[in-house]
Amino acid sequence: MRYLMLVLTDPALTDPDAPPITIEEWAAETYDTGRAVEGDRLRPAAEAKVVRRRRGEVIVSDGPFAEAYELIGGFDVLECGSLDEAIEIASRHPMASGGVIQLHPAWPLDL
């Protein structure tokens, strides 16, 4: 099963735990074993765009929603046999100690 793993900042966290491993070690143990298949850092939120369509009009605004205090800093697509495996991978990511990791199970379209 595929999971979208979002890596978020947590500006409320003032005393983060030391990460269990470095980002390089995490990438090696997930990408080199095929448990992560794609991922990257994201440009700063100030460069993001929000796109909506309302009553046939396309509306584009700057950045993420104003009420969002956690900003997405990156993502990975995990290929795991179970949710428990995805949680284990996410828990070892360095940002799990200094930010927030969200796991979203993919819901494939049956076309």
PDB file of N, CA and C in Angstrom:
ATOM      1  N   MET A   1       0.846  -1.177   0.000  1.00  0.00           N
ATOM      2  CA  MET A   1       0.000   0.000   0.000  1.00  0.00           C
ATOM      3  C   MET A   1       0.888   1.234   0.000  1.00  0.00           C
ATOM      4  N   ARG A   2       0.428   2.260  -0.703  1.00  0.00           N
ATOM      5  CA  ARG A   2       1.169   3.518  -0.752  1.00  0.00           C
ATOM      6  C   ARG A   2       0.638   4.504   0.280  1.00  0.00           C
ATOM      7  N   TYR A   3       1.579   5.281   0.831  1.00  0.00           N
ATOM      8  CA  TYR A   3       1.248   6.326   1.797  1.00  0.00           C
ATOM      9  C   TYR A   3       1.962   7.605   1.373  1.00  0.00           C
ATOM     10  N   LEU A   4       1.250   8.709   1.423  1.00  0.00           N
ATOM     11  CA  LEU A   4       1.877  10.007   1.257  1.00  0.00           C
ATOM     12  C   LEU A   4       2.312  10.446   2.648  1.00  0.00           C
ATOM     13  N   MET A   5       3.586  10.683   2.809  1.00  0.00           N
ATOM     14  CA  MET A   5       4.124  11.135   4.086  1.00  0.00           C
ATOM     15  C   MET A   5       4.471  12.613   3.943  1.00  0.00           C
ATOM     16  N   LEU A   6       3.753  13.457   4.670  1.00  0.00           N
ATOM     17  CA  LEU A   6       4.020  14.897   4.654  1.00  0.00           C
ATOM     18  C   LEU A   6       4.912  15.242   5.840  1.00  0.00           C
ATOM     19  N   VAL A   7       5.941  16.008   5.572  1.00  0.00           N
ATOM     20  CA  VAL A   7       6.887  16.444   6.592  1.00  0.00           C
ATOM     21  C   VAL A   7       6.592  17.911   6.873  1.00  0.00           C
ATOM     22  N   LEU A   8       6.164  18.199   8.113  1.00  0.00           N
ATOM     23  CA  LEU A   8       5.740  19.547   8.470  1.00  0.00           C
ATOM     24  C   LEU A   8       6.620  20.141   9.560  1.00  0.00           C
ATOM     25  N   THR A   9       6.705  21.456   9.546  1.00  0.00           N
ATOM     26  CA  THR A   9       7.368  22.162  10.636  1.00  0.00           C
ATOM     27  C   THR A   9       6.399  22.262  11.804  1.00  0.00           C
ATOM     28  N   ASP A  10       6.909  22.484  12.981  1.00  0.00           N
ATOM     29  CA  ASP A  10       6.084  22.707  14.168  1.00  0.00           C
ATOM     30  C   ASP A  10       6.645  23.913  14.908  1.00  0.00           C
ATOM     31  N   PRO A  11       6.182  25.125  14.570  1.00  0.00           N
ATOM     32  CA  PRO A  11       6.734  26.324  15.187  1.00  0.00           C
ATOM     33  C   PRO A  11       6.475  26.415  16.687  1.00  0.00           C
ATOM     34  N   ALA A  12       5.534  25.642  17.216  1.00  0.00           N
ATOM     35  CA  ALA A  12       5.247  25.672  18.648  1.00  0.00           C
ATOM     36  C   ALA A  12       6.269  24.859  19.449  1.00  0.00           C
ATOM     37  N   LEU A  13       7.031  24.007  18.782  1.00  0.00           N
ATOM     38  CA  LEU A  13       7.992  23.149  19.463  1.00  0.00           C
ATOM     39  C   LEU A  13       9.265  23.941  19.748  1.00  0.00           C
ATOM     40  N   THR A  14       9.554  24.149  21.015  1.00  0.00           N
ATOM     41  CA  THR A  14      10.725  24.947  21.385  1.00  0.00           C
ATOM     42  C   THR A  14      11.920  24.109  21.801  1.00  0.00           C
ATOM     43  N   ASP A  15      11.713  22.851  22.163  1.00  0.00           N
ATOM     44  CA  ASP A  15      12.799  21.996  22.627  1.00  0.00           C
ATOM     45  C   ASP A  15      12.697  20.625  21.965  1.00  0.00           C
ATOM     46  N   PRO A  16      13.056  20.534  20.677  1.00  0.00           N
ATOM     47  CA  PRO A  16      12.888  19.253  19.977  1.00  0.00           C
ATOM     48  C   PRO A  16      13.847  18.185  20.490  1.00  0.00           C
ATOM     49  N   ASP A  17      13.397  16.937  20.401  1.00  0.00           N
ATOM     50  CA  ASP A  17      14.263  15.802  20.714  1.00  0.00           C
ATOM     51  C   ASP A  17      15.342  15.683  19.646  1.00  0.00           C
ATOM     52  N   ALA A  18      16.438  15.084  20.003  1.00  0.00           N
ATOM     53  CA  ALA A  18      17.466  14.789  19.012  1.00  0.00           C
ATOM     54  C   ALA A  18      16.937  13.682  18.105  1.00  0.00           C
ATOM     55  N   PRO A  19      17.093  13.824  16.780  1.00  0.00           N
ATOM     56  CA  PRO A  19      16.601  12.778  15.890  1.00  0.00           C
ATOM     57  C   PRO A  19      17.377  11.475  16.083  1.00  0.00           C
ATOM     58  N   PRO A  20      16.707  10.334  15.878  1.00  0.00           N
ATOM     59  CA  PRO A  20      17.381   9.047  16.077  1.00  0.00           C
ATOM     60  C   PRO A  20      18.478   8.788  15.044  1.00  0.00           C
ATOM     61  N   ILE A  21      18.292   9.327  13.831  1.00  0.00           N
ATOM     62  CA  ILE A  21      19.268   9.153  12.749  1.00  0.00           C
ATOM     63  C   ILE A  21      19.278  10.426  11.904  1.00  0.00           C
ATOM     64  N   THR A  22      20.275  10.553  11.041  1.00  0.00           N
ATOM     65  CA  THR A  22      20.348  11.711  10.145  1.00  0.00           C
ATOM     66  C   THR A  22      19.415  11.506   8.956  1.00  0.00           C
ATOM     67  N   ILE A  23      19.138  12.576   8.242  1.00  0.00           N
ATOM     68  CA  ILE A  23      18.294  12.468   7.044  1.00  0.00           C
ATOM     69  C   ILE A  23      18.958  11.580   6.001  1.00  0.00           C
ATOM     70  N   GLU A  24      20.279  11.609   5.919  1.00  0.00           N
ATOM     71  CA  GLU A  24      20.986  10.750   4.965  1.00  0.00           C
ATOM     72  C   GLU A  24      20.822   9.275   5.325  1.00  0.00           C
ATOM     73  N   GLU A  25      20.906   8.962   6.618  1.00  0.00           N
ATOM     74  CA  GLU A  25      20.707   7.570   7.053  1.00  0.00           C
ATOM     75  C   GLU A  25      19.267   7.130   6.810  1.00  0.00           C
ATOM     76  N   TRP A  26      18.306   8.041   7.093  1.00  0.00           N
ATOM     77  CA  TRP A  26      16.900   7.718   6.872  1.00  0.00           C
ATOM     78  C   TRP A  26      16.644   7.443   5.392  1.00  0.00           C
ATOM     79  N   ALA A  27      17.173   8.302   4.530  1.00  0.00           N
ATOM     80  CA  ALA A  27      16.980   8.119   3.087  1.00  0.00           C
ATOM     81  C   ALA A  27      17.593   6.803   2.623  1.00  0.00           C
ATOM     82  N   ALA A  28      18.766   6.476   3.121  1.00  0.00           N
ATOM     83  CA  ALA A  28      19.409   5.220   2.720  1.00  0.00           C
ATOM     84  C   ALA A  28      18.589   4.014   3.149  1.00  0.00           C
ATOM     85  N   GLU A  29      18.056   4.036   4.375  1.00  0.00           N
ATOM     86  CA  GLU A  29      17.325   2.852   4.843  1.00  0.00           C
ATOM     87  C   GLU A  29      15.918   2.758   4.268  1.00  0.00           C
ATOM     88  N   THR A  30      15.390   3.830   3.688  1.00  0.00           N
ATOM     89  CA  THR A  30      14.049   3.738   3.098  1.00  0.00           C
ATOM     90  C   THR A  30      14.100   3.684   1.572  1.00  0.00           C
ATOM     91  N   TYR A  31      14.866   4.564   0.946  1.00  0.00           N
ATOM     92  CA  TYR A  31      14.928   4.568  -0.517  1.00  0.00           C
ATOM     93  C   TYR A  31      15.740   3.396  -1.050  1.00  0.00           C
ATOM     94  N   ASP A  32      16.837   3.083  -0.386  1.00  0.00           N
ATOM     95  CA  ASP A  32      17.675   1.990  -0.869  1.00  0.00           C
ATOM     96  C   ASP A  32      17.012   0.622  -0.724  1.00  0.00           C
ATOM     97  N   THR A  33      15.988   0.520   0.125  1.00  0.00           N
ATOM     98  CA  THR A  33      15.271  -0.746   0.295  1.00  0.00           C
ATOM     99  C   THR A  33      13.945  -0.764  -0.457  1.00  0.00           C
ATOM    100  N   GLY A  34      13.626   0.330  -1.175  1.00  0.00           N
ATOM    101  CA  GLY A  34      12.398   0.391  -1.958  1.00  0.00           C
ATOM    102  C   GLY A  34      11.152   0.719  -1.153  1.00  0.00           C
ATOM    103  N   ARG A  35      11.317   1.057   0.126  1.00  0.00           N
ATOM    104  CA  ARG A  35      10.139   1.391   0.941  1.00  0.00           C
ATOM    105  C   ARG A  35       9.704   2.840   0.759  1.00  0.00           C
ATOM    106  N   ALA A  36      10.543   3.657   0.168  1.00  0.00           N
ATOM    107  CA  ALA A  36      10.155   5.003  -0.261  1.00  0.00           C
ATOM    108  C   ALA A  36      10.463   5.072  -1.747  1.00  0.00           C
ATOM    109  N   VAL A  37       9.529   5.607  -2.519  1.00  0.00           N
ATOM    110  CA  VAL A  37       9.684   5.575  -3.973  1.00  0.00           C
ATOM    111  C   VAL A  37       9.834   6.948  -4.602  1.00  0.00           C
ATOM    112  N   GLU A  38       9.497   8.001  -3.860  1.00  0.00           N
ATOM    113  CA  GLU A  38       9.620   9.351  -4.387  1.00  0.00           C
ATOM    114  C   GLU A  38       9.535  10.324  -3.225  1.00  0.00           C
ATOM    115  N   GLY A  39      10.189  11.457  -3.372  1.00  0.00           N
ATOM    116  CA  GLY A  39      10.100  12.476  -2.332  1.00  0.00           C
ATOM    117  C   GLY A  39      11.003  13.647  -2.647  1.00  0.00           C
ATOM    118  N   ASP A  40      10.795  14.733  -1.923  1.00  0.00           N
ATOM    119  CA  ASP A  40      11.616  15.915  -2.128  1.00  0.00           C
ATOM    120  C   ASP A  40      11.295  16.943  -1.065  1.00  0.00           C
ATOM    121  N   ARG A  41      12.171  17.934  -0.938  1.00  0.00           N
ATOM    122  CA  ARG A  41      11.875  19.102  -0.126  1.00  0.00           C
ATOM    123  C   ARG A  41      10.969  20.001  -0.949  1.00  0.00           C
ATOM    124  N   LEU A  42      10.283  20.911  -0.277  1.00  0.00           N
ATOM    125  CA  LEU A  42       9.445  21.877  -0.977  1.00  0.00           C
ATOM    126  C   LEU A  42      10.029  23.268  -0.815  1.00  0.00           C
ATOM    127  N   ARG A  43       9.792  24.108  -1.814  1.00  0.00           N
ATOM    128  CA  ARG A  43      10.217  25.506  -1.735  1.00  0.00           C
ATOM    129  C   ARG A  43       9.442  26.168  -0.595  1.00  0.00           C
ATOM    130  N   PRO A  44       9.895  27.328  -0.106  1.00  0.00           N
ATOM    131  CA  PRO A  44       9.211  28.012   0.995  1.00  0.00           C
ATOM    132  C   PRO A  44       7.737  28.294   0.696  1.00  0.00           C
ATOM    133  N   ALA A  45       6.930  28.320   1.757  1.00  0.00           N
ATOM    134  CA  ALA A  45       5.488  28.529   1.610  1.00  0.00           C
ATOM    135  C   ALA A  45       5.166  29.825   0.885  1.00  0.00           C
ATOM    136  N   ALA A  46       6.017  30.816   0.999  1.00  0.00           N
ATOM    137  CA  ALA A  46       5.781  32.097   0.322  1.00  0.00           C
ATOM    138  C   ALA A  46       5.746  31.928  -1.200  1.00  0.00           C
ATOM    139  N   GLU A  47       6.291  30.844  -1.708  1.00  0.00           N
ATOM    140  CA  GLU A  47       6.288  30.592  -3.151  1.00  0.00           C
ATOM    141  C   GLU A  47       5.134  29.684  -3.585  1.00  0.00           C
ATOM    142  N   ALA A  48       4.341  29.221  -2.628  1.00  0.00           N
ATOM    143  CA  ALA A  48       3.226  28.314  -2.930  1.00  0.00           C
ATOM    144  C   ALA A  48       2.024  29.090  -3.465  1.00  0.00           C
ATOM    145  N   LYS A  49       1.158  28.403  -4.141  1.00  0.00           N
ATOM    146  CA  LYS A  49      -0.097  28.960  -4.647  1.00  0.00           C
ATOM    147  C   LYS A  49      -1.242  28.060  -4.221  1.00  0.00           C
ATOM    148  N   VAL A  50      -2.385  28.669  -3.943  1.00  0.00           N
ATOM    149  CA  VAL A  50      -3.612  27.948  -3.645  1.00  0.00           C
ATOM    150  C   VAL A  50      -4.538  28.163  -4.838  1.00  0.00           C
ATOM    151  N   VAL A  51      -5.068  27.081  -5.390  1.00  0.00           N
ATOM    152  CA  VAL A  51      -5.911  27.163  -6.585  1.00  0.00           C
ATOM    153  C   VAL A  51      -7.300  26.640  -6.241  1.00  0.00           C
ATOM    154  N   ARG A  52      -8.295  27.435  -6.611  1.00  0.00           N
ATOM    155  CA  ARG A  52      -9.706  27.047  -6.412  1.00  0.00           C
ATOM    156  C   ARG A  52     -10.470  27.344  -7.701  1.00  0.00           C
ATOM    157  N   ARG A  53     -11.545  26.622  -7.885  1.00  0.00           N
ATOM    158  CA  ARG A  53     -12.490  26.929  -8.966  1.00  0.00           C
ATOM    159  C   ARG A  53     -13.838  27.144  -8.307  1.00  0.00           C
ATOM    160  N   ARG A  54     -14.405  28.329  -8.528  1.00  0.00           N
ATOM    161  CA  ARG A  54     -15.712  28.686  -7.968  1.00  0.00           C
ATOM    162  C   ARG A  54     -16.552  29.331  -9.061  1.00  0.00           C
ATOM    163  N   ARG A  55     -17.748  28.758  -9.270  1.00  0.00           N
ATOM    164  CA  ARG A  55     -18.684  29.267 -10.272  1.00  0.00           C
ATOM    165  C   ARG A  55     -18.010  29.479 -11.636  1.00  0.00           C
ATOM    166  N   GLY A  56     -17.163  28.513 -12.006  1.00  0.00           N
ATOM    167  CA  GLY A  56     -16.501  28.555 -13.298  1.00  0.00           C
ATOM    168  C   GLY A  56     -15.284  29.458 -13.362  1.00  0.00           C
ATOM    169  N   GLU A  57     -14.947  30.137 -12.273  1.00  0.00           N
ATOM    170  CA  GLU A  57     -13.794  31.035 -12.257  1.00  0.00           C
ATOM    171  C   GLU A  57     -12.645  30.375 -11.502  1.00  0.00           C
ATOM    172  N   VAL A  58     -11.436  30.493 -12.058  1.00  0.00           N
ATOM    173  CA  VAL A  58     -10.239  29.991 -11.389  1.00  0.00           C
ATOM    174  C   VAL A  58      -9.694  31.113 -10.508  1.00  0.00           C
ATOM    175  N   ILE A  59      -9.508  30.805  -9.228  1.00  0.00           N
ATOM    176  CA  ILE A  59      -9.011  31.782  -8.260  1.00  0.00           C
ATOM    177  C   ILE A  59      -7.670  31.277  -7.745  1.00  0.00           C
ATOM    178  N   VAL A  60      -6.638  32.089  -7.888  1.00  0.00           N
ATOM    179  CA  VAL A  60      -5.293  31.731  -7.441  1.00  0.00           C
ATOM    180  C   VAL A  60      -4.876  32.732  -6.366  1.00  0.00           C
ATOM    181  N   SER A  61      -4.435  32.214  -5.227  1.00  0.00           N
ATOM    182  CA  SER A  61      -3.947  33.098  -4.167  1.00  0.00           C
ATOM    183  C   SER A  61      -2.577  32.614  -3.710  1.00  0.00           C
ATOM    184  N   ASP A  62      -1.865  33.484  -3.010  1.00  0.00           N
ATOM    185  CA  ASP A  62      -0.513  33.175  -2.566  1.00  0.00           C
ATOM    186  C   ASP A  62      -0.520  32.305  -1.316  1.00  0.00           C
ATOM    187  N   GLY A  63       0.458  31.409  -1.256  1.00  0.00           N
ATOM    188  CA  GLY A  63       0.758  30.666  -0.046  1.00  0.00           C
ATOM    189  C   GLY A  63      -0.328  29.747   0.454  1.00  0.00           C
ATOM    190  N   PRO A  64      -0.024  29.057   1.544  1.00  0.00           N
ATOM    191  CA  PRO A  64      -1.020  28.156   2.150  1.00  0.00           C
ATOM    192  C   PRO A  64      -2.069  28.964   2.897  1.00  0.00           C
ATOM    193  N   PHE A  65      -3.087  28.271   3.382  1.00  0.00           N
ATOM    194  CA  PHE A  65      -4.138  28.932   4.146  1.00  0.00           C
ATOM    195  C   PHE A  65      -3.538  29.668   5.337  1.00  0.00           C
ATOM    196  N   ALA A  66      -4.034  30.850   5.627  1.00  0.00           N
ATOM    197  CA  ALA A  66      -3.506  31.679   6.711  1.00  0.00           C
ATOM    198  C   ALA A  66      -3.612  30.993   8.069  1.00  0.00           C
ATOM    199  N   GLU A  67      -4.640  30.160   8.267  1.00  0.00           N
ATOM    200  CA  GLU A  67      -4.794  29.533   9.576  1.00  0.00           C
ATOM    201  C   GLU A  67      -3.865  28.339   9.789  1.00  0.00           C
ATOM    202  N   ALA A  68      -3.130  27.938   8.775  1.00  0.00           N
ATOM    203  CA  ALA A  68      -2.196  26.821   8.919  1.00  0.00           C
ATOM    204  C   ALA A  68      -0.932  27.311   9.608  1.00  0.00           C
ATOM    205  N   TYR A  69      -0.636  26.753  10.793  1.00  0.00           N
ATOM    206  CA  TYR A  69       0.594  27.157  11.463  1.00  0.00           C
ATOM    207  C   TYR A  69       1.720  26.156  11.183  1.00  0.00           C
ATOM    208  N   GLU A  70       1.382  24.936  10.823  1.00  0.00           N
ATOM    209  CA  GLU A  70       2.382  23.965  10.419  1.00  0.00           C
ATOM    210  C   GLU A  70       2.518  24.046   8.902  1.00  0.00           C
ATOM    211  N   LEU A  71       3.735  24.225   8.417  1.00  0.00           N
ATOM    212  CA  LEU A  71       3.958  24.341   6.983  1.00  0.00           C
ATOM    213  C   LEU A  71       4.602  23.068   6.462  1.00  0.00           C
ATOM    214  N   ILE A  72       4.154  22.622   5.303  1.00  0.00           N
ATOM    215  CA  ILE A  72       4.702  21.417   4.689  1.00  0.00           C
ATOM    216  C   ILE A  72       6.080  21.747   4.137  1.00  0.00           C
ATOM    217  N   GLY A  73       7.082  21.018   4.611  1.00  0.00           N
ATOM    218  CA  GLY A  73       8.449  21.252   4.164  1.00  0.00           C
ATOM    219  C   GLY A  73       8.935  20.230   3.157  1.00  0.00           C
ATOM    220  N   GLY A  74       8.225  19.115   3.057  1.00  0.00           N
ATOM    221  CA  GLY A  74       8.633  18.081   2.122  1.00  0.00           C
ATOM    222  C   GLY A  74       7.645  16.929   2.136  1.00  0.00           C
ATOM    223  N   PHE A  75       7.909  15.942   1.291  1.00  0.00           N
ATOM    224  CA  PHE A  75       7.019  14.786   1.193  1.00  0.00           C
ATOM    225  C   PHE A  75       7.814  13.575   0.756  1.00  0.00           C
ATOM    226  N   ASP A  76       7.267  12.433   1.050  1.00  0.00           N
ATOM    227  CA  ASP A  76       7.782  11.157   0.547  1.00  0.00           C
ATOM    228  C   ASP A  76       6.594  10.272   0.238  1.00  0.00           C
ATOM    229  N   VAL A  77       6.727   9.440  -0.758  1.00  0.00           N
ATOM    230  CA  VAL A  77       5.727   8.430  -1.068  1.00  0.00           C
ATOM    231  C   VAL A  77       6.309   7.099  -0.618  1.00  0.00           C
ATOM    232  N   LEU A  78       5.644   6.483   0.348  1.00  0.00           N
ATOM    233  CA  LEU A  78       6.110   5.215   0.902  1.00  0.00           C
ATOM    234  C   LEU A  78       5.345   4.058   0.284  1.00  0.00           C
ATOM    235  N   GLU A  79       6.022   2.960   0.102  1.00  0.00           N
ATOM    236  CA  GLU A  79       5.416   1.709  -0.368  1.00  0.00           C
ATOM    237  C   GLU A  79       5.614   0.699   0.753  1.00  0.00           C
ATOM    238  N   CYS A  80       4.543   0.407   1.485  1.00  0.00           N
ATOM    239  CA  CYS A  80       4.650  -0.420   2.686  1.00  0.00           C
ATOM    240  C   CYS A  80       3.639  -1.552   2.674  1.00  0.00           C
ATOM    241  N   GLY A  81       3.965  -2.600   3.395  1.00  0.00           N
ATOM    242  CA  GLY A  81       3.064  -3.730   3.514  1.00  0.00           C
ATOM    243  C   GLY A  81       1.935  -3.499   4.504  1.00  0.00           C
ATOM    244  N   SER A  82       2.113  -2.507   5.390  1.00  0.00           N
ATOM    245  CA  SER A  82       1.094  -2.257   6.412  1.00  0.00           C
ATOM    246  C   SER A  82       1.229  -0.836   6.945  1.00  0.00           C
ATOM    247  N   LEU A  83       0.192  -0.390   7.634  1.00  0.00           N
ATOM    248  CA  LEU A  83       0.240   0.906   8.299  1.00  0.00           C
ATOM    249  C   LEU A  83       1.325   0.906   9.369  1.00  0.00           C
ATOM    250  N   ASP A  84       1.491  -0.198  10.082  1.00  0.00           N
ATOM    251  CA  ASP A  84       2.528  -0.279  11.111  1.00  0.00           C
ATOM    252  C   ASP A  84       3.921  -0.039  10.522  1.00  0.00           C
ATOM    253  N   GLU A  85       4.166  -0.579   9.345  1.00  0.00           N
ATOM    254  CA  GLU A  85       5.460  -0.368   8.691  1.00  0.00           C
ATOM    255  C   GLU A  85       5.631   1.104   8.319  1.00  0.00           C
ATOM    256  N   ALA A  86       4.576   1.730   7.808  1.00  0.00           N
ATOM    257  CA  ALA A  86       4.641   3.156   7.455  1.00  0.00           C
ATOM    258  C   ALA A  86       4.900   4.009   8.699  1.00  0.00           C
ATOM    259  N   ILE A  87       4.264   3.659   9.809  1.00  0.00           N
ATOM    260  CA  ILE A  87       4.476   4.387  11.067  1.00  0.00           C
ATOM    261  C   ILE A  87       5.917   4.240  11.531  1.00  0.00           C
ATOM    262  N   GLU A  88       6.469   3.049  11.431  1.00  0.00           N
ATOM    263  CA  GLU A  88       7.863   2.827  11.823  1.00  0.00           C
ATOM    264  C   GLU A  88       8.805   3.691  10.990  1.00  0.00           C
ATOM    265  N   ILE A  89       8.581   3.722   9.672  1.00  0.00           N
ATOM    266  CA  ILE A  89       9.418   4.541   8.792  1.00  0.00           C
ATOM    267  C   ILE A  89       9.280   6.016   9.160  1.00  0.00           C
ATOM    268  N   ALA A  90       8.047   6.474   9.344  1.00  0.00           N
ATOM    269  CA  ALA A  90       7.808   7.878   9.673  1.00  0.00           C
ATOM    270  C   ALA A  90       8.426   8.241  11.022  1.00  0.00           C
ATOM    271  N   SER A  91       8.365   7.344  11.977  1.00  0.00           N
ATOM    272  CA  SER A  91       8.886   7.641  13.316  1.00  0.00           C
ATOM    273  C   SER A  91      10.396   7.804  13.330  1.00  0.00           C
ATOM    274  N   ARG A  92      11.084   7.234  12.359  1.00  0.00           N
ATOM    275  CA  ARG A  92      12.539   7.333  12.286  1.00  0.00           C
ATOM    276  C   ARG A  92      12.999   8.562  11.510  1.00  0.00           C
ATOM    277  N   HIS A  93      12.082   9.232  10.810  1.00  0.00           N
ATOM    278  CA  HIS A  93      12.459  10.437  10.062  1.00  0.00           C
ATOM    279  C   HIS A  93      12.907  11.507  11.053  1.00  0.00           C
ATOM    280  N   PRO A  94      14.014  12.188  10.788  1.00  0.00           N
ATOM    281  CA  PRO A  94      14.503  13.206  11.723  1.00  0.00           C
ATOM    282  C   PRO A  94      13.478  14.282  12.088  1.00  0.00           C
ATOM    283  N   MET A  95      12.573  14.626  11.185  1.00  0.00           N
ATOM    284  CA  MET A  95      11.586  15.659  11.491  1.00  0.00           C
ATOM    285  C   MET A  95      10.490  15.161  12.425  1.00  0.00           C
ATOM    286  N   ALA A  96      10.406  13.856  12.679  1.00  0.00           N
ATOM    287  CA  ALA A  96       9.451  13.367  13.675  1.00  0.00           C
ATOM    288  C   ALA A  96       9.842  13.874  15.060  1.00  0.00           C
ATOM    289  N   SER A  97      11.124  14.196  15.254  1.00  0.00           N
ATOM    290  CA  SER A  97      11.612  14.714  16.530  1.00  0.00           C
ATOM    291  C   SER A  97      11.506  16.226  16.626  1.00  0.00           C
ATOM    292  N   GLY A  98      11.488  16.913  15.494  1.00  0.00           N
ATOM    293  CA  GLY A  98      11.484  18.371  15.516  1.00  0.00           C
ATOM    294  C   GLY A  98      10.361  18.998  14.730  1.00  0.00           C
ATOM    295  N   GLY A  99       9.445  18.195  14.277  1.00  0.00           N
ATOM    296  CA  GLY A  99       8.316  18.685  13.494  1.00  0.00           C
ATOM    297  C   GLY A  99       7.151  17.739  13.626  1.00  0.00           C
ATOM    298  N   VAL A 100       6.440  17.548  12.545  1.00  0.00           N
ATOM    299  CA  VAL A 100       5.263  16.680  12.529  1.00  0.00           C
ATOM    300  C   VAL A 100       5.310  15.865  11.238  1.00  0.00           C
ATOM    301  N   ILE A 101       4.987  14.590  11.332  1.00  0.00           N
ATOM    302  CA  ILE A 101       4.880  13.736  10.150  1.00  0.00           C
ATOM    303  C   ILE A 101       3.427  13.302  10.027  1.00  0.00           C
ATOM    304  N   GLN A 102       2.852  13.504   8.850  1.00  0.00           N
ATOM    305  CA  GLN A 102       1.494  13.024   8.579  1.00  0.00           C
ATOM    306  C   GLN A 102       1.577  11.878   7.583  1.00  0.00           C
ATOM    307  N   LEU A 103       0.818  10.834   7.830  1.00  0.00           N
ATOM    308  CA  LEU A 103       0.711   9.709   6.896  1.00  0.00           C
ATOM    309  C   LEU A 103      -0.701   9.687   6.328  1.00  0.00           C
ATOM    310  N   HIS A 104      -0.798   9.671   5.006  1.00  0.00           N
ATOM    311  CA  HIS A 104      -2.090   9.615   4.320  1.00  0.00           C
ATOM    312  C   HIS A 104      -2.102   8.386   3.423  1.00  0.00           C
ATOM    313  N   PRO A 105      -2.938   7.382   3.712  1.00  0.00           N
ATOM    314  CA  PRO A 105      -3.026   6.224   2.827  1.00  0.00           C
ATOM    315  C   PRO A 105      -3.562   6.655   1.456  1.00  0.00           C
ATOM    316  N   ALA A 106      -2.952   6.110   0.424  1.00  0.00           N
ATOM    317  CA  ALA A 106      -3.433   6.401  -0.930  1.00  0.00           C
ATOM    318  C   ALA A 106      -4.749   5.650  -1.172  1.00  0.00           C
ATOM    319  N   TRP A 107      -5.588   6.240  -1.970  1.00  0.00           N
ATOM    320  CA  TRP A 107      -6.863   5.649  -2.344  1.00  0.00           C
ATOM    321  C   TRP A 107      -6.876   5.625  -3.863  1.00  0.00           C
ATOM    322  N   PRO A 108      -6.311   4.580  -4.467  1.00  0.00           N
ATOM    323  CA  PRO A 108      -6.149   4.557  -5.920  1.00  0.00           C
ATOM    324  C   PRO A 108      -7.479   4.663  -6.661  1.00  0.00           C
ATOM    325  N   LEU A 109      -7.436   5.382  -7.764  1.00  0.00           N
ATOM    326  CA  LEU A 109      -8.597   5.466  -8.639  1.00  0.00           C
ATOM    327  C   LEU A 109      -8.645   4.180  -9.472  1.00  0.00           C
ATOM    328  N   ASP A 110      -9.787   3.562  -9.522  1.00  0.00           N
ATOM    329  CA  ASP A 110      -9.948   2.394 -10.378  1.00  0.00           C
ATOM    330  C   ASP A 110     -10.527   2.877 -11.684  1.00  0.00           C
ATOM    331  N   LEU A 111      -9.635   3.176 -12.620  1.00  0.00           N
ATOM    332  CA  LEU A 111     -10.065   3.703 -13.919  1.00  0.00           C
ATOM    333  C   LEU A 111     -10.318   2.602 -14.909  1.00  0.00           C
TER     334      LEU A 111
END
